[in-house]
Amino acid sequence: MTGSRSPAALADTSIPAIALATLLPPLLAFNQTPAATLYNQLLALAGWGLALLLCARAVPNWRGGLTSPASLALALLFVAPLSSVLWRGLPPSLGLGAAAILGAGLAVLLLAQGLSPVARRTAGEALAWGLLVTGLLTVAISLVQVFAPDLANGTVIARSGIAGRAVGNLRQPNHLASLMMWMAVAAVFITEKRGWRALLAPLLFASVFTVVLSASRTGFIGIAMLAIWGLVDRRLSRTARLALLATPLMLGLSWWLMAQWSAEGHAFGAASRLSEGAGSPSRLAILRDAWALTLAHPLVGVGWGSFNFAWSLTPFPARPIAFFDHTHNLPSQLAVELGLPWAGAVLALLCWALWQAWRGAARADEDAPLRRAALMIVLTIGLHSLLEYPLWYAYFLLPACFALGLALPAGERGRTASSVPLSLAGAVLVAGSLFAVWDYQRIVAIYAPGEDALPLGQRIAAGQASPFFAHQADYAAATSQPPGPAALAATRRTAFSLIDARLLMHWSRSLEATGDLDGARYLADRLREFRNPTGDGWFASCTEPASAPMVQCQPASTVIDWRSLR
């Protein structure tokens, strides 16, 4: 057969790719320091790149989605990190990585929107199966982490660093909870489509029980969202609606079972987690500080990827003492980094897209069940994005973009478009991911050197030549080299990734070494605000009369604009 492929050909070639692109990344436990989930993200990019390669020729109408609100929103976001590299001082290694993930999201969205109705249903079921299977395997992983932690070897099953709390192979309780919400949505769709309704309640209970094991407060809110779905969606079967409405009861039962377990002397992470309170004062404080920065830079923001830099280096005497690289709220993050006009345009387009998806899901046509399930996938991760930042990870962003494309109306059917752009995007993602795995070994050699490793200075220099991970090599340079111009230059680059107490100390010393005493004191003032034990130990000498006081013992004479420190 020549020309564009038929929907049946799409099913034959692409179902495994779509399912595996969804299934494999959250299950990978193997990692190498310093980035715990880098390989999970690269696996997601490569998997969806392969799906693009296999599906591209079967989507002759992908260009029809170019002007959709969702595509325009992602296009605006794709430009943001590149513009920040060109005009706002963002290191290229950080800008290229962000642009690659956002560009992949746009390509995956266009792929889903361009599918024919038959191919959409096939692709949607492949996505659902991927989410369901990865969810079930993650349930098993979570049970091992809580009830048999000695079996978690860190390679096949990740070790949980919190006794009595599951983290999945992504090593984050909130990410585990979001996977369980996606598993629940997929279970509803598949059991309804296949007529396996008796299986739904056990599957939902497995999902809810694992959320309790994660102790994620975001996950508890997600369970309420499942119950609301059962309340408002009258097109679901009676069995499905009752099962969804019962999820709060499943939560109560799961809690009771774990309470019985803890009564025997075992750790129960959720009980101790909720004893901290339903809210998070530090998260509220970071939102307050982010809004203050937004008001200070309302038109163009601080620049994509620069929130950590701007917030850490701006005086906030009542700041939360943890080092934050994100506001943990999607609208707030966009507003502070892009400015109100740009962020407002992106958010308005996304809201428009959600409205289109909602209207499509409300129609009583053959695609309605798929559209409703796809919309729920987007809404559950959207809820998480108001409290965390899952969409900054490729293994959440790409399935969410694909689900959004399935939920949206198909692009306008005009003349067929060349499959080359989507195929090229897929090839770039696959090749780029493989290159990134090789490139990352330069960074691994810095932080986990082998027996025959080169001297540290040579390893750092090799890492600084990395197009994707140079900022991680810069951190090693900034904190291991003697204070001076070279360490200062490396510090200014790596500070866009994450500023911590150790980096602030070395940064201050390098400014002192280069003659900027007031800058050194200003950074020391910021370190005092964090009330960090490492910094407190450093400042201890300021109260010892026998030792000569450091330059940093005196406060800065003026407030320095954070932009001048780039």
Protein backbone atom coordinates (compact mmCIF):
# COMPACT_ATOMS: atom_id res chain seq x y z
CA MET A 1 0.00 0.00 0.00
CA THR A 2 1.36 3.43 -0.92
CA GLY A 3 0.53 6.95 0.16
CA SER A 4 -0.78 7.77 3.61
CA ARG A 5 -1.52 4.85 5.84
CA SER A 6 -5.00 3.77 6.79
CA PRO A 7 -6.30 3.76 10.37
CA ALA A 8 -5.85 -0.03 10.39
CA ALA A 9 -2.17 0.39 9.46
CA LEU A 10 -1.86 2.86 12.31
CA ALA A 11 -3.16 0.21 14.71
CA ASP A 12 -0.71 -2.38 13.42
CA THR A 13 2.39 -0.21 13.70
CA SER A 14 1.78 2.29 16.45
CA ILE A 15 -0.25 0.74 19.28
CA PRO A 16 2.82 -0.80 20.94
CA ALA A 17 4.80 2.45 20.57
CA ILE A 18 2.08 4.60 22.16
CA ALA A 19 1.50 2.10 24.97
CA LEU A 20 5.20 1.63 25.70
CA ALA A 21 5.93 5.38 25.56
CA THR A 22 3.36 5.75 28.33
CA LEU A 23 4.23 2.60 30.26
CA LEU A 24 8.02 2.38 30.47
CA PRO A 25 9.26 5.79 31.71
CA PRO A 26 7.55 5.71 35.15
CA LEU A 27 8.78 2.15 35.75
CA LEU A 28 12.50 2.76 35.22
CA ALA A 29 14.31 2.70 38.57
CA PHE A 30 17.91 2.76 37.34
CA ASN A 31 19.54 6.18 37.65
CA GLN A 32 22.95 7.78 37.94
CA THR A 33 23.84 10.72 40.11
CA PRO A 34 23.20 13.65 40.15
CA ALA A 35 19.83 13.58 38.29
CA ALA A 36 17.49 10.94 39.76
CA THR A 37 14.84 10.94 37.02
CA LEU A 38 16.83 12.03 33.96
CA TYR A 39 16.67 8.60 32.31
CA ASN A 40 12.91 8.45 32.92
CA GLN A 41 12.54 11.69 31.00
CA LEU A 42 14.83 10.64 28.19
CA LEU A 43 12.96 7.35 27.87
CA ALA A 44 9.71 9.31 27.57
CA LEU A 45 11.17 11.57 24.88
CA ALA A 46 12.57 8.62 22.92
CA GLY A 47 9.36 6.62 23.28
CA TRP A 48 7.13 9.39 22.03
CA GLY A 49 9.66 10.17 19.32
CA LEU A 50 9.29 6.60 18.10
CA ALA A 51 5.50 6.96 18.21
CA LEU A 52 5.78 10.08 16.06
CA LEU A 53 7.94 8.23 13.55
CA LEU A 54 5.49 5.34 13.30
CA CYS A 55 2.33 7.47 13.21
CA ALA A 56 3.38 10.46 11.11
CA ARG A 57 2.44 9.06 7.69
CA ALA A 58 -1.00 8.08 9.00
CA VAL A 59 -1.77 11.68 10.02
CA PRO A 60 -2.12 13.68 6.80
CA ASN A 61 -4.19 16.40 8.51
CA TRP A 62 -1.85 17.33 11.36
CA ARG A 63 -1.48 20.89 10.07
CA GLY A 64 -5.14 21.52 10.83
CA GLY A 65 -4.30 21.62 14.53
CA LEU A 66 -1.58 24.27 14.19
CA THR A 67 -4.01 27.10 14.88
CA SER A 68 -5.84 25.40 17.75
CA PRO A 69 -5.65 27.19 21.14
CA ALA A 70 -3.67 24.37 22.70
CA SER A 71 -1.08 24.39 19.91
CA LEU A 72 -0.71 28.15 20.10
CA ALA A 73 -0.23 27.96 23.87
CA LEU A 74 2.52 25.36 23.50
CA ALA A 75 4.13 27.37 20.70
CA LEU A 76 4.26 30.41 23.00
CA LEU A 77 5.85 28.27 25.70
CA PHE A 78 8.33 26.73 23.26
CA VAL A 79 9.64 30.19 22.41
CA ALA A 80 10.03 31.17 26.08
CA PRO A 81 13.22 29.23 27.02
CA LEU A 82 14.89 30.13 23.72
CA SER A 83 14.18 33.82 24.24
CA SER A 84 15.49 33.53 27.79
CA VAL A 85 18.75 32.09 26.46
CA LEU A 86 19.11 34.89 23.91
CA TRP A 87 18.12 37.87 26.04
CA ARG A 88 17.86 36.94 29.72
CA GLY A 89 21.13 35.12 30.46
CA LEU A 90 19.69 31.59 30.82
CA PRO A 91 22.47 29.04 30.18
CA PRO A 92 21.96 27.23 26.83
CA SER A 93 22.04 23.81 28.50
CA LEU A 94 18.94 24.70 30.51
CA GLY A 95 17.17 26.46 27.64
CA LEU A 96 17.75 23.64 25.14
CA GLY A 97 16.41 21.00 27.51
CA ALA A 98 13.22 22.94 28.24
CA ALA A 99 12.66 23.76 24.56
CA ALA A 100 13.12 20.10 23.59
CA ILE A 101 10.45 18.92 26.03
CA LEU A 102 7.99 21.66 25.04
CA GLY A 103 8.63 21.08 21.34
CA ALA A 104 7.98 17.37 21.87
CA GLY A 105 4.74 18.23 23.63
CA LEU A 106 3.60 20.33 20.67
CA ALA A 107 4.45 17.56 18.18
CA VAL A 108 2.58 14.95 20.23
CA LEU A 109 -0.45 17.25 20.51
CA LEU A 110 -0.52 17.79 16.74
CA LEU A 111 -0.23 14.04 16.21
CA ALA A 112 -3.25 13.30 18.41
CA GLN A 113 -5.37 16.07 16.90
CA GLY A 114 -4.63 14.92 13.36
CA LEU A 115 -5.77 11.33 13.84
CA SER A 116 -8.91 10.13 12.09
CA PRO A 117 -11.89 9.14 14.33
CA VAL A 118 -11.08 5.42 13.99
CA ALA A 119 -7.38 5.97 14.62
CA ARG A 120 -8.20 8.18 17.61
CA ARG A 121 -10.13 5.41 19.28
CA THR A 122 -7.29 2.97 18.63
CA ALA A 123 -4.64 5.37 19.90
CA GLY A 124 -6.76 6.32 22.91
CA GLU A 125 -7.10 2.68 23.94
CA ALA A 126 -3.35 2.21 23.55
CA LEU A 127 -2.76 5.21 25.83
CA ALA A 128 -5.24 3.84 28.38
CA TRP A 129 -3.65 0.40 28.38
CA GLY A 130 -0.24 1.97 28.91
CA LEU A 131 -1.51 3.95 31.89
CA LEU A 132 -3.35 0.98 33.38
CA VAL A 133 -0.44 -1.46 33.13
CA THR A 134 2.12 1.02 34.43
CA GLY A 135 -0.29 1.80 37.26
CA LEU A 136 -0.69 -1.84 38.23
CA LEU A 137 3.06 -2.45 38.17
CA THR A 138 3.57 0.71 40.22
CA VAL A 139 1.07 -0.59 42.77
CA ALA A 140 3.24 -3.69 43.13
CA ILE A 141 6.36 -1.54 43.46
CA SER A 142 4.69 0.55 46.16
CA LEU A 143 3.63 -2.51 48.13
CA VAL A 144 7.25 -3.69 48.16
CA GLN A 145 8.51 -0.27 49.27
CA VAL A 146 6.17 -0.19 52.27
CA PHE A 147 5.71 -3.83 53.30
CA ALA A 148 8.96 -5.46 52.12
CA PRO A 149 11.48 -2.59 51.77
CA ASP A 150 14.46 -4.96 51.90
CA LEU A 151 13.46 -6.25 48.45
CA ALA A 152 13.90 -2.79 46.89
CA ASN A 153 17.40 -2.94 45.40
CA GLY A 154 17.39 0.53 43.83
CA THR A 155 17.84 -0.83 40.31
CA VAL A 156 14.56 -2.62 39.57
CA ILE A 157 12.57 -1.17 42.47
CA ALA A 158 13.59 2.20 43.87
CA ARG A 159 14.24 2.51 47.58
CA SER A 160 11.96 4.80 49.54
CA GLY A 161 13.80 7.28 51.70
CA ILE A 162 10.78 7.67 53.99
CA ALA A 163 9.80 4.77 56.23
CA GLY A 164 6.23 3.61 55.70
CA ARG A 165 5.76 5.73 52.58
CA ALA A 166 5.68 4.65 48.94
CA VAL A 167 7.40 6.75 46.28
CA GLY A 168 7.20 4.52 43.18
CA ASN A 169 10.12 4.30 40.80
CA LEU A 170 9.88 8.03 40.13
CA ARG A 171 10.94 8.54 43.77
CA GLN A 172 8.35 11.24 44.46
CA PRO A 173 5.13 10.58 46.42
CA ASN A 174 3.19 13.22 44.52
CA HIS A 175 4.23 11.76 41.18
CA LEU A 176 3.13 8.35 42.41
CA ALA A 177 -0.27 9.79 43.35
CA SER A 178 -0.70 11.32 39.89
CA LEU A 179 0.12 7.98 38.27
CA MET A 180 -2.59 6.41 40.41
CA MET A 181 -5.13 9.00 39.25
CA TRP A 182 -4.24 8.23 35.64
CA MET A 183 -4.52 4.52 36.35
CA ALA A 184 -8.02 5.07 37.79
CA VAL A 185 -9.14 7.02 34.72
CA ALA A 186 -7.72 4.37 32.40
CA ALA A 187 -9.44 1.63 34.41
CA VAL A 188 -12.82 3.33 33.99
CA PHE A 189 -12.32 3.72 30.24
CA ILE A 190 -11.10 0.17 29.58
CA THR A 191 -13.61 -1.63 31.80
CA GLU A 192 -16.45 0.35 30.26
CA LYS A 193 -15.24 -0.27 26.72
CA ARG A 194 -14.55 -3.98 27.24
CA GLY A 195 -17.54 -4.69 29.46
CA TRP A 196 -15.27 -5.79 32.34
CA ARG A 197 -17.25 -3.77 34.88
CA ALA A 198 -16.72 -6.21 37.76
CA LEU A 199 -12.99 -5.40 37.64
CA LEU A 200 -13.40 -1.65 38.11
CA ALA A 201 -13.95 -1.54 41.87
CA PRO A 202 -10.85 -3.68 42.66
CA LEU A 203 -8.76 -1.57 40.29
CA LEU A 204 -9.96 1.66 41.85
CA PHE A 205 -9.29 0.30 45.33
CA ALA A 206 -5.72 -0.60 44.31
CA SER A 207 -5.26 2.94 43.06
CA VAL A 208 -6.72 4.55 46.19
CA PHE A 209 -4.79 2.27 48.55
CA THR A 210 -1.54 3.21 46.81
CA VAL A 211 -2.37 6.91 47.18
CA VAL A 212 -2.68 6.29 50.92
CA LEU A 213 0.72 4.56 50.85
CA SER A 214 2.15 7.63 49.11
CA ALA A 215 0.75 9.97 51.81
CA SER A 216 0.29 12.58 49.08
CA ARG A 217 -2.16 15.29 50.06
CA THR A 218 -2.50 16.12 46.38
CA GLY A 219 -3.53 12.52 45.80
CA PHE A 220 -6.25 12.76 48.44
CA ILE A 221 -7.72 15.73 46.57
CA GLY A 222 -7.50 13.71 43.36
CA ILE A 223 -9.64 10.98 44.94
CA ALA A 224 -12.33 13.58 45.57
CA MET A 225 -12.06 14.48 41.89
CA LEU A 226 -12.78 10.86 40.93
CA ALA A 227 -15.90 10.92 43.09
CA ILE A 228 -17.04 14.14 41.42
CA TRP A 229 -16.58 12.47 38.04
CA GLY A 230 -18.90 9.68 39.13
CA LEU A 231 -21.42 12.25 40.33
CA VAL A 232 -21.59 14.42 37.20
CA ASP A 233 -20.99 11.97 34.33
CA ARG A 234 -24.40 10.41 33.76
CA ARG A 235 -23.25 8.62 30.61
CA LEU A 236 -21.12 6.20 32.59
CA SER A 237 -22.68 2.89 33.51
CA ARG A 238 -24.32 2.59 36.92
CA THR A 239 -21.52 0.26 38.02
CA ALA A 240 -18.82 2.74 37.05
CA ARG A 241 -20.57 5.67 38.72
CA LEU A 242 -21.07 3.75 41.95
CA ALA A 243 -17.44 2.63 41.95
CA LEU A 244 -16.22 6.20 41.45
CA LEU A 245 -18.59 7.52 44.13
CA ALA A 246 -17.22 4.88 46.49
CA THR A 247 -13.60 6.06 46.19
CA PRO A 248 -13.82 8.23 49.36
CA LEU A 249 -15.05 5.12 51.20
CA MET A 250 -12.12 3.20 49.72
CA LEU A 251 -9.87 5.93 51.10
CA GLY A 252 -11.36 5.47 54.56
CA LEU A 253 -11.00 1.70 54.39
CA SER A 254 -7.40 1.97 53.18
CA TRP A 255 -6.60 4.35 56.02
CA TRP A 256 -8.15 1.97 58.56
CA LEU A 257 -6.17 -0.97 57.21
CA MET A 258 -2.92 0.96 57.42
CA ALA A 259 -3.81 2.17 60.92
CA GLN A 260 -4.14 -1.47 61.97
CA TRP A 261 -0.76 -2.15 60.41
CA SER A 262 0.85 0.76 62.25
CA ALA A 263 -0.71 -0.38 65.53
CA GLU A 264 1.64 -3.36 65.35
CA GLY A 265 4.64 -1.04 65.43
CA HIS A 266 5.07 -0.41 61.70
CA ALA A 267 5.57 3.03 60.17
CA PHE A 268 2.54 4.66 58.51
CA GLY A 269 3.72 7.62 56.45
CA ALA A 270 0.31 9.13 55.75
CA ALA A 271 -0.58 9.54 59.43
CA SER A 272 2.59 11.48 60.19
CA ARG A 273 2.27 13.46 56.96
CA LEU A 274 -1.24 14.68 57.68
CA SER A 275 -0.30 15.49 61.26
CA GLU A 276 1.63 18.39 59.70
CA GLY A 277 -1.70 19.88 58.59
CA ALA A 278 -3.70 19.95 55.40
CA GLY A 279 -1.90 22.97 54.03
CA SER A 280 1.76 23.86 53.54
CA PRO A 281 2.89 27.20 55.02
CA SER A 282 6.10 27.15 52.99
CA ARG A 283 4.12 26.75 49.75
CA LEU A 284 1.89 29.68 50.65
CA ALA A 285 4.98 31.74 51.46
CA ILE A 286 6.61 30.92 48.12
CA LEU A 287 3.41 31.96 46.31
CA ARG A 288 3.43 35.24 48.21
CA ASP A 289 7.05 35.90 47.30
CA ALA A 290 6.43 34.91 43.67
CA TRP A 291 3.58 37.39 43.45
CA ALA A 292 5.84 40.12 44.84
CA LEU A 293 8.38 39.33 42.11
CA THR A 294 5.59 39.34 39.52
CA LEU A 295 4.52 42.82 40.61
CA ALA A 296 8.14 43.95 40.40
CA HIS A 297 8.43 42.60 36.81
CA PRO A 298 4.83 42.62 35.52
CA LEU A 299 5.43 43.00 31.77
CA VAL A 300 8.21 40.57 30.90
CA GLY A 301 8.74 38.63 34.13
CA VAL A 302 12.11 37.51 35.42
CA GLY A 303 12.69 35.20 32.44
CA TRP A 304 11.98 31.54 31.79
CA GLY A 305 13.98 29.36 34.17
CA SER A 306 15.01 32.36 36.28
CA PHE A 307 12.57 32.22 39.19
CA ASN A 308 15.05 30.37 41.40
CA PHE A 309 17.76 32.92 40.59
CA ALA A 310 15.57 35.99 41.13
CA TRP A 311 13.84 34.72 44.28
CA SER A 312 17.00 33.48 46.00
CA LEU A 313 18.83 36.77 45.38
CA THR A 314 16.01 39.16 46.29
CA PRO A 315 15.58 40.16 49.95
CA PHE A 316 12.67 38.27 51.53
CA PRO A 317 13.15 38.35 55.32
CA ALA A 318 10.11 36.09 55.87
CA ARG A 319 11.03 33.63 53.11
CA PRO A 320 10.50 29.88 53.59
CA ILE A 321 13.78 28.32 54.64
CA ALA A 322 13.77 25.59 51.98
CA PHE A 323 15.49 26.23 48.65
CA PHE A 324 12.78 26.36 45.98
CA ASP A 325 13.38 26.23 42.23
CA HIS A 326 9.66 26.45 41.39
CA THR A 327 6.55 28.16 42.76
CA HIS A 328 4.64 24.83 42.77
CA ASN A 329 1.75 26.45 40.94
CA LEU A 330 1.50 26.57 37.14
CA PRO A 331 -0.22 29.99 36.75
CA SER A 332 2.09 31.56 39.32
CA GLN A 333 5.19 30.11 37.67
CA LEU A 334 4.21 31.38 34.23
CA ALA A 335 3.30 34.81 35.59
CA VAL A 336 6.54 35.37 37.48
CA GLU A 337 8.80 34.08 34.69
CA LEU A 338 7.01 35.31 31.56
CA GLY A 339 5.18 38.39 32.83
CA LEU A 340 1.45 38.96 32.98
CA PRO A 341 0.74 39.57 29.24
CA TRP A 342 2.63 36.50 28.00
CA ALA A 343 1.46 34.23 30.83
CA GLY A 344 -2.09 35.56 30.49
CA ALA A 345 -2.14 34.70 26.79
CA VAL A 346 -0.87 31.16 27.46
CA LEU A 347 -3.35 30.54 30.27
CA ALA A 348 -6.25 31.99 28.28
CA LEU A 349 -5.43 29.71 25.34
CA LEU A 350 -5.20 26.69 27.63
CA CYS A 351 -8.54 27.54 29.24
CA TRP A 352 -10.06 27.90 25.76
CA ALA A 353 -8.67 24.49 24.84
CA LEU A 354 -10.13 22.94 27.99
CA TRP A 355 -13.51 24.49 27.17
CA GLN A 356 -13.36 22.98 23.68
CA ALA A 357 -12.48 19.60 25.19
CA TRP A 358 -15.32 19.91 27.72
CA ARG A 359 -17.85 20.66 24.98
CA GLY A 360 -16.60 17.71 22.92
CA ALA A 361 -16.82 15.39 25.93
CA ALA A 362 -20.41 16.47 26.58
CA ARG A 363 -21.62 15.32 23.17
CA ALA A 364 -23.37 11.97 22.90
CA ASP A 365 -21.39 10.57 19.97
CA GLU A 366 -19.23 7.51 19.49
CA ASP A 367 -16.05 9.29 20.62
CA ALA A 368 -17.59 10.74 23.81
CA PRO A 369 -16.24 8.03 26.21
CA LEU A 370 -12.72 8.53 24.87
CA ARG A 371 -13.00 12.31 25.03
CA ARG A 372 -14.26 12.20 28.61
CA ALA A 373 -11.47 9.89 29.73
CA ALA A 374 -8.86 11.98 27.91
CA LEU A 375 -10.23 15.14 29.49
CA MET A 376 -10.04 13.53 32.95
CA ILE A 377 -6.39 12.66 32.33
CA VAL A 378 -5.73 16.34 31.59
CA LEU A 379 -7.82 17.63 34.51
CA THR A 380 -6.20 15.36 37.10
CA ILE A 381 -2.68 16.41 36.10
CA GLY A 382 -3.95 19.99 35.87
CA LEU A 383 -5.06 19.77 39.50
CA HIS A 384 -1.62 18.47 40.44
CA SER A 385 -0.11 21.44 38.57
CA LEU A 386 -1.82 23.86 40.95
CA LEU A 387 0.09 22.32 43.86
CA GLU A 388 3.27 20.94 42.27
CA TYR A 389 5.00 21.06 38.86
CA PRO A 390 4.53 17.65 37.17
CA LEU A 391 4.30 19.14 33.68
CA TRP A 392 7.97 20.09 33.87
CA TYR A 393 8.68 16.36 33.52
CA ALA A 394 8.48 14.74 30.08
CA TYR A 395 6.86 11.55 31.40
CA PHE A 396 3.84 13.61 32.49
CA LEU A 397 3.80 16.39 29.89
CA LEU A 398 3.85 14.18 26.78
CA PRO A 399 1.00 11.80 27.76
CA ALA A 400 -0.98 14.85 28.92
CA CYS A 401 -0.46 16.58 25.55
CA PHE A 402 -1.49 13.42 23.71
CA ALA A 403 -4.61 13.09 25.89
CA LEU A 404 -5.47 16.75 25.31
CA GLY A 405 -5.16 16.20 21.56
CA LEU A 406 -7.54 13.24 21.81
CA ALA A 407 -10.02 15.29 23.82
CA LEU A 408 -10.00 18.24 21.41
CA PRO A 409 -11.92 18.47 18.15
CA ALA A 410 -9.96 17.19 15.17
CA GLY A 411 -8.13 19.76 13.11
CA GLU A 412 -9.83 21.13 10.04
CA ARG A 413 -9.71 18.66 7.16
CA GLY A 414 -8.01 20.38 4.30
CA ARG A 415 -5.41 19.30 1.83
CA THR A 416 -3.04 16.69 3.12
CA ALA A 417 0.23 17.82 4.67
CA SER A 418 3.66 16.29 4.35
CA SER A 419 4.50 13.78 7.06
CA VAL A 420 8.13 14.93 7.04
CA PRO A 421 7.88 17.50 9.88
CA LEU A 422 6.35 15.04 12.37
CA SER A 423 8.70 12.28 11.25
CA LEU A 424 11.66 14.61 11.58
CA ALA A 425 10.52 15.65 15.06
CA GLY A 426 10.31 11.99 16.05
CA ALA A 427 13.74 11.21 14.65
CA VAL A 428 15.27 14.20 16.46
CA LEU A 429 13.70 13.09 19.74
CA VAL A 430 15.00 9.53 19.42
CA ALA A 431 18.49 10.57 18.30
CA GLY A 432 18.64 13.43 20.80
CA SER A 433 17.67 11.17 23.69
CA LEU A 434 20.35 8.63 22.77
CA PHE A 435 22.92 11.42 22.49
CA ALA A 436 21.85 12.82 25.86
CA VAL A 437 22.44 9.46 27.55
CA TRP A 438 25.99 9.44 26.18
CA ASP A 439 26.51 13.12 26.95
CA TYR A 440 25.35 12.68 30.54
CA GLN A 441 28.19 10.26 31.24
CA ARG A 442 30.49 13.29 31.34
CA ILE A 443 28.52 14.54 34.33
CA VAL A 444 28.35 11.12 35.99
CA ALA A 445 32.14 10.97 35.81
CA ILE A 446 32.31 14.17 37.89
CA TYR A 447 30.01 13.08 40.70
CA ALA A 448 30.58 9.30 40.69
CA PRO A 449 34.06 8.75 39.21
CA GLY A 450 35.33 5.30 38.40
CA GLU A 451 38.66 3.85 39.49
CA ASP A 452 40.47 5.05 36.36
CA ALA A 453 38.85 8.49 36.33
CA LEU A 454 40.75 11.55 35.12
CA PRO A 455 41.63 14.32 37.61
CA LEU A 456 38.64 16.34 38.80
CA GLY A 457 39.62 19.46 36.87
CA GLN A 458 39.69 17.57 33.57
CA ARG A 459 36.37 15.88 34.29
CA ILE A 460 34.76 19.22 35.08
CA ALA A 461 36.15 20.77 31.89
CA ALA A 462 34.73 17.87 29.85
CA GLY A 463 31.34 18.28 31.54
CA GLN A 464 31.28 22.02 30.88
CA ALA A 465 31.44 21.22 27.15
CA SER A 466 28.13 19.31 27.38
CA PRO A 467 25.32 20.96 25.38
CA PHE A 468 22.59 19.63 27.70
CA PHE A 469 24.20 19.30 31.14
CA ALA A 470 26.95 21.93 31.35
CA HIS A 471 25.16 23.63 34.26
CA GLN A 472 25.68 20.52 36.39
CA ALA A 473 29.40 20.55 35.67
CA ASP A 474 29.41 24.25 36.51
CA TYR A 475 28.10 23.43 39.99
CA ALA A 476 31.10 21.19 40.60
CA ALA A 477 33.41 23.91 39.29
CA ALA A 478 31.79 26.59 41.43
CA THR A 479 32.05 24.57 44.64
CA SER A 480 35.41 22.82 44.17
CA GLN A 481 37.66 25.39 42.50
CA PRO A 482 39.44 28.10 44.52
CA PRO A 483 37.42 31.33 44.83
CA GLY A 484 38.14 33.59 41.89
CA PRO A 485 37.02 34.59 38.38
CA ALA A 486 36.69 31.04 36.99
CA ALA A 487 34.63 29.79 39.93
CA LEU A 488 32.53 32.97 39.81
CA ALA A 489 31.69 32.50 36.12
CA ALA A 490 30.68 28.89 36.74
CA THR A 491 28.58 29.95 39.74
CA ARG A 492 26.61 32.48 37.75
CA ARG A 493 25.71 29.83 35.20
CA THR A 494 24.77 27.01 37.55
CA ALA A 495 22.77 29.34 39.80
CA PHE A 496 19.93 29.24 37.24
CA SER A 497 19.48 25.54 38.04
CA LEU A 498 19.27 25.66 41.84
CA ILE A 499 20.84 27.91 44.45
CA ASP A 500 21.61 26.24 47.78
CA ALA A 501 23.57 27.15 50.91
CA ARG A 502 26.83 25.66 49.64
CA LEU A 503 26.63 27.57 46.37
CA LEU A 504 25.85 30.87 48.11
CA MET A 505 28.89 30.44 50.36
CA HIS A 506 31.25 29.75 47.45
CA TRP A 507 29.66 32.54 45.40
CA SER A 508 30.21 35.02 48.20
CA ARG A 509 33.84 33.95 48.56
CA SER A 510 34.43 34.32 44.80
CA LEU A 511 32.98 37.83 44.85
CA GLU A 512 35.24 38.64 47.77
CA ALA A 513 38.24 37.23 45.91
CA THR A 514 37.47 39.40 42.88
CA GLY A 515 37.13 42.55 44.99
CA ASP A 516 33.34 42.89 45.16
CA LEU A 517 33.04 43.05 48.94
CA ASP A 518 29.54 44.51 49.02
CA GLY A 519 28.33 41.79 46.65
CA ALA A 520 29.91 39.18 48.92
CA ARG A 521 28.09 40.64 51.92
CA TYR A 522 24.82 40.87 50.01
CA LEU A 523 24.89 37.15 49.18
CA ALA A 524 25.76 36.38 52.80
CA ASP A 525 22.68 38.36 53.84
CA ARG A 526 20.54 36.21 51.57
CA LEU A 527 22.08 33.06 53.06
CA ARG A 528 21.14 34.27 56.56
CA GLU A 529 17.51 34.57 55.46
CA PHE A 530 17.39 30.85 54.69
CA ARG A 531 18.41 29.98 58.28
CA ASN A 532 20.19 26.93 56.92
CA PRO A 533 22.40 24.81 59.25
CA THR A 534 25.27 24.93 56.73
CA GLY A 535 25.13 28.70 56.61
CA ASP A 536 24.69 29.02 60.35
CA GLY A 537 27.86 26.99 60.84
CA TRP A 538 29.70 29.27 58.43
CA PHE A 539 28.59 32.39 60.32
CA ALA A 540 29.55 30.91 63.70
CA SER A 541 33.03 32.40 63.36
CA CYS A 542 31.49 35.88 63.39
CA THR A 543 30.81 35.49 67.12
CA GLU A 544 34.22 34.05 68.02
CA PRO A 545 36.38 36.84 69.44
CA ALA A 546 39.63 34.93 68.90
CA SER A 547 39.25 34.79 65.12
CA ALA A 548 39.41 37.59 62.58
CA PRO A 549 35.87 38.32 61.34
CA MET A 550 35.00 37.39 57.77
CA VAL A 551 34.00 40.07 55.32
CA GLN A 552 30.59 38.36 55.27
CA CYS A 553 30.04 39.06 58.98
CA GLN A 554 29.07 42.63 58.12
CA PRO A 555 25.76 43.34 56.33
CA ALA A 556 25.74 44.80 52.83
CA SER A 557 25.47 48.56 52.62
CA THR A 558 22.85 48.48 49.87
CA VAL A 559 20.34 46.26 48.11
CA ILE A 560 21.75 44.83 44.86
CA ASP A 561 19.48 44.16 41.89
CA TRP A 562 19.49 40.41 41.27
CA ARG A 563 19.87 41.03 37.53
CA SER A 564 23.32 42.53 38.06
CA LEU A 565 24.49 39.26 39.60
CA ARG A 566 23.85 37.23 36.43
